[in-house]
Amino acid sequence: MKTPGFVYLFSAPEPMNLFSHPPSLTSSRRLFTVLLLAFLIHNAEEAYTICYFPTVNPLINIQILNCEQFLVAVSVISTVVIVLYMIAARSMVTPNRYLFISTGLAAALLLNAIVPHLLVALLTWQFTPGIFSTVLLIIPLSILMLSRNREHYKSRREQIRHAILFTIPAYLFFVLVTRLSMLYF
């Protein structure tokens, strides 16, 4: 004899599966997809504002990329991030690789949002390229991604280690790509 459906409302829940309940890696993966789209929107906003409304950075004495140089650099960086996203998305069998890439990218984007974008805007009280997407998309989504991934790490120390081990090479790659685009374009 079958039990009525409403009885299941009060029965013990099934054991949680890492890939099926809301704080799972699956929902983290969806959030990672949204973060990737926010990153691409951010790069498009930066490209538009740099090409049509060039700004001079009064705080640091470095040469700012021109439109063509920036477009080359942002295209290379965006392509690399998309490739990393695809590697992470295919790494659901090995969650450590996914966690490393998604945590590292979220941390790198958060650092990039705070240090050049938000800091320069607050110190100069002037518009900076990419500030709207930084404040509205990148900062909240990066924090949410880091928070969501925190649940899947054994310790906070391991998550911080992943963030640092990803962010340092990412920053060096950014510097290399921007310098090469300045030399060749």
Protein backbone atom coordinates (compact mmCIF):
# COMPACT_ATOMS: atom_id res chain seq x y z
CA MET A 1 0.00 0.00 0.00
CA LYS A 2 1.35 3.41 -0.98
CA THR A 3 1.69 6.18 1.56
CA PRO A 4 0.04 9.54 0.80
CA GLY A 5 2.39 12.22 -0.53
CA PHE A 6 1.94 14.55 2.43
CA VAL A 7 3.53 12.01 4.77
CA TYR A 8 6.83 12.61 3.03
CA LEU A 9 6.77 16.23 4.18
CA PHE A 10 7.29 15.05 7.74
CA SER A 11 9.63 12.15 7.15
CA ALA A 12 13.36 12.29 7.70
CA PRO A 13 15.22 13.93 4.82
CA GLU A 14 17.47 11.89 2.60
CA PRO A 15 21.20 12.20 3.24
CA MET A 16 22.65 15.31 1.61
CA ASN A 17 24.57 14.78 -1.58
CA LEU A 18 27.45 17.18 -2.23
CA PHE A 19 26.16 17.77 -5.77
CA SER A 20 22.42 18.21 -5.12
CA HIS A 21 21.62 20.53 -2.22
CA PRO A 22 21.72 24.35 -2.45
CA PRO A 23 25.20 24.99 -1.03
CA SER A 24 26.63 22.31 -3.31
CA LEU A 25 29.32 22.66 -5.90
CA THR A 26 26.59 22.64 -8.55
CA SER A 27 25.11 25.90 -7.26
CA SER A 28 28.64 27.21 -6.80
CA ARG A 29 29.26 26.37 -10.45
CA ARG A 30 26.21 28.37 -11.51
CA LEU A 31 27.46 31.29 -9.46
CA PHE A 32 30.89 30.89 -11.07
CA THR A 33 29.21 31.15 -14.49
CA VAL A 34 27.50 34.38 -13.40
CA LEU A 35 30.84 35.69 -12.10
CA LEU A 36 32.46 34.91 -15.46
CA LEU A 37 29.70 36.82 -17.27
CA ALA A 38 30.13 39.73 -14.85
CA PHE A 39 33.87 39.71 -15.59
CA LEU A 40 33.19 39.87 -19.34
CA ILE A 41 30.70 42.72 -18.81
CA HIS A 42 33.29 44.49 -16.68
CA ASN A 43 35.93 44.13 -19.40
CA ALA A 44 33.48 45.45 -22.00
CA GLU A 45 32.69 48.45 -19.80
CA GLU A 46 36.38 49.13 -19.29
CA ALA A 47 37.12 48.82 -23.01
CA TYR A 48 34.31 51.19 -23.92
CA THR A 49 35.26 53.81 -21.34
CA ILE A 50 38.99 53.62 -22.00
CA CYS A 51 38.53 53.89 -25.76
CA TYR A 52 35.94 56.66 -25.74
CA PHE A 53 36.61 58.46 -22.45
CA PRO A 54 40.34 58.07 -21.75
CA THR A 55 41.41 58.98 -18.24
CA VAL A 56 44.73 59.84 -16.71
CA ASN A 57 45.60 58.22 -13.42
CA PRO A 58 46.81 61.03 -11.13
CA LEU A 59 47.89 58.70 -8.33
CA ILE A 60 50.41 56.42 -9.93
CA ASN A 61 53.07 57.37 -12.40
CA ILE A 62 52.65 54.61 -14.96
CA GLN A 63 51.88 54.78 -18.61
CA ILE A 64 48.21 54.07 -19.24
CA LEU A 65 47.42 51.75 -22.15
CA ASN A 66 45.89 53.32 -25.22
CA CYS A 67 42.70 51.88 -26.70
CA GLU A 68 44.34 49.36 -29.04
CA GLN A 69 46.78 48.15 -26.39
CA PHE A 70 44.02 47.76 -23.84
CA LEU A 71 41.78 45.85 -26.27
CA VAL A 72 44.59 43.40 -27.02
CA ALA A 73 45.43 42.93 -23.34
CA VAL A 74 41.80 42.53 -22.23
CA SER A 75 41.12 40.09 -25.08
CA VAL A 76 44.04 37.88 -24.07
CA ILE A 77 43.11 38.02 -20.39
CA SER A 78 39.43 37.31 -21.11
CA THR A 79 40.36 34.35 -23.30
CA VAL A 80 42.57 32.89 -20.58
CA VAL A 81 39.81 33.34 -17.99
CA ILE A 82 37.30 31.59 -20.29
CA VAL A 83 39.73 28.69 -20.73
CA LEU A 84 40.20 28.49 -16.95
CA TYR A 85 36.43 28.52 -16.53
CA MET A 86 36.09 25.62 -18.97
CA ILE A 87 38.79 23.67 -17.12
CA ALA A 88 37.05 24.33 -13.81
CA ALA A 89 33.63 23.43 -15.19
CA ARG A 90 34.95 20.10 -16.45
CA SER A 91 36.62 19.42 -13.10
CA MET A 92 33.52 18.44 -11.17
CA VAL A 93 34.94 14.92 -10.86
CA THR A 94 37.93 16.41 -9.06
CA PRO A 95 36.43 19.21 -6.93
CA ASN A 96 39.85 20.45 -5.75
CA ARG A 97 40.74 21.75 -9.21
CA TYR A 98 37.36 23.48 -9.51
CA LEU A 99 37.69 25.00 -6.03
CA PHE A 100 41.22 26.20 -6.75
CA ILE A 101 40.24 27.94 -10.00
CA SER A 102 36.91 29.38 -8.85
CA THR A 103 38.26 30.57 -5.49
CA GLY A 104 41.42 31.97 -7.06
CA LEU A 105 39.58 33.80 -9.81
CA ALA A 106 37.04 35.24 -7.37
CA ALA A 107 39.87 36.43 -5.10
CA ALA A 108 41.81 37.93 -8.03
CA LEU A 109 38.72 39.74 -9.31
CA LEU A 110 37.95 41.04 -5.82
CA LEU A 111 41.50 42.32 -5.40
CA ASN A 112 41.39 43.91 -8.87
CA ALA A 113 38.06 45.52 -8.05
CA ILE A 114 39.24 47.01 -4.78
CA VAL A 115 42.81 48.11 -5.50
CA PRO A 116 42.80 49.86 -8.85
CA HIS A 117 39.10 50.52 -9.45
CA LEU A 118 37.49 51.35 -6.13
CA LEU A 119 40.57 52.79 -4.45
CA VAL A 120 41.39 55.18 -7.30
CA ALA A 121 37.75 56.28 -7.56
CA LEU A 122 37.56 56.97 -3.83
CA LEU A 123 40.92 58.75 -3.63
CA THR A 124 40.34 60.97 -6.66
CA TRP A 125 36.54 61.28 -6.51
CA GLN A 126 36.61 60.79 -10.26
CA PHE A 127 35.13 58.25 -12.63
CA THR A 128 37.39 55.29 -13.31
CA PRO A 129 36.88 52.85 -16.18
CA GLY A 130 34.90 49.82 -15.06
CA ILE A 131 33.69 51.32 -11.77
CA PHE A 132 29.98 50.59 -12.34
CA SER A 133 30.41 46.88 -13.02
CA THR A 134 33.00 46.70 -10.26
CA VAL A 135 30.63 48.00 -7.61
CA LEU A 136 27.43 46.42 -8.91
CA LEU A 137 28.71 43.04 -10.09
CA ILE A 138 32.31 42.08 -9.38
CA ILE A 139 32.58 42.92 -5.68
CA PRO A 140 29.28 41.32 -4.56
CA LEU A 141 29.64 38.24 -6.80
CA SER A 142 33.28 37.67 -5.81
CA ILE A 143 32.44 37.87 -2.12
CA LEU A 144 29.48 35.54 -2.63
CA MET A 145 31.65 33.09 -4.61
CA LEU A 146 34.32 33.06 -1.89
CA SER A 147 31.66 32.59 0.76
CA ARG A 148 29.96 29.79 -1.16
CA ASN A 149 33.26 28.00 -1.77
CA ARG A 150 34.24 28.34 1.91
CA GLU A 151 31.74 25.60 2.75
CA HIS A 152 33.70 23.10 0.65
CA TYR A 153 37.13 23.65 2.16
CA LYS A 154 38.42 21.74 5.16
CA SER A 155 39.82 24.95 6.63
CA ARG A 156 39.87 28.66 5.95
CA ARG A 157 43.65 28.44 5.71
CA GLU A 158 43.38 26.13 2.69
CA GLN A 159 41.00 28.54 0.95
CA ILE A 160 43.31 31.49 1.62
CA ARG A 161 46.26 29.47 0.32
CA HIS A 162 44.38 28.71 -2.90
CA ALA A 163 43.43 32.38 -3.30
CA ILE A 164 47.03 33.51 -2.87
CA LEU A 165 48.53 30.78 -5.06
CA PHE A 166 46.16 31.79 -7.86
CA THR A 167 46.24 35.58 -7.42
CA ILE A 168 50.00 36.08 -7.51
CA PRO A 169 50.57 34.33 -10.87
CA ALA A 170 47.36 35.96 -12.20
CA TYR A 171 48.72 39.40 -11.33
CA LEU A 172 52.10 38.60 -12.89
CA PHE A 173 50.31 37.35 -16.02
CA PHE A 174 48.30 40.59 -16.14
CA VAL A 175 51.51 42.65 -15.90
CA LEU A 176 53.17 40.57 -18.60
CA VAL A 177 50.23 40.85 -20.99
CA THR A 178 49.84 44.61 -20.51
CA ARG A 179 53.59 45.21 -20.96
CA LEU A 180 53.71 43.07 -24.09
CA SER A 181 50.72 44.88 -25.54
CA MET A 182 52.49 48.19 -24.85
CA LEU A 183 55.61 46.96 -26.64
CA TYR A 184 53.95 45.47 -29.71
CA PHE A 185 50.82 47.56 -30.26
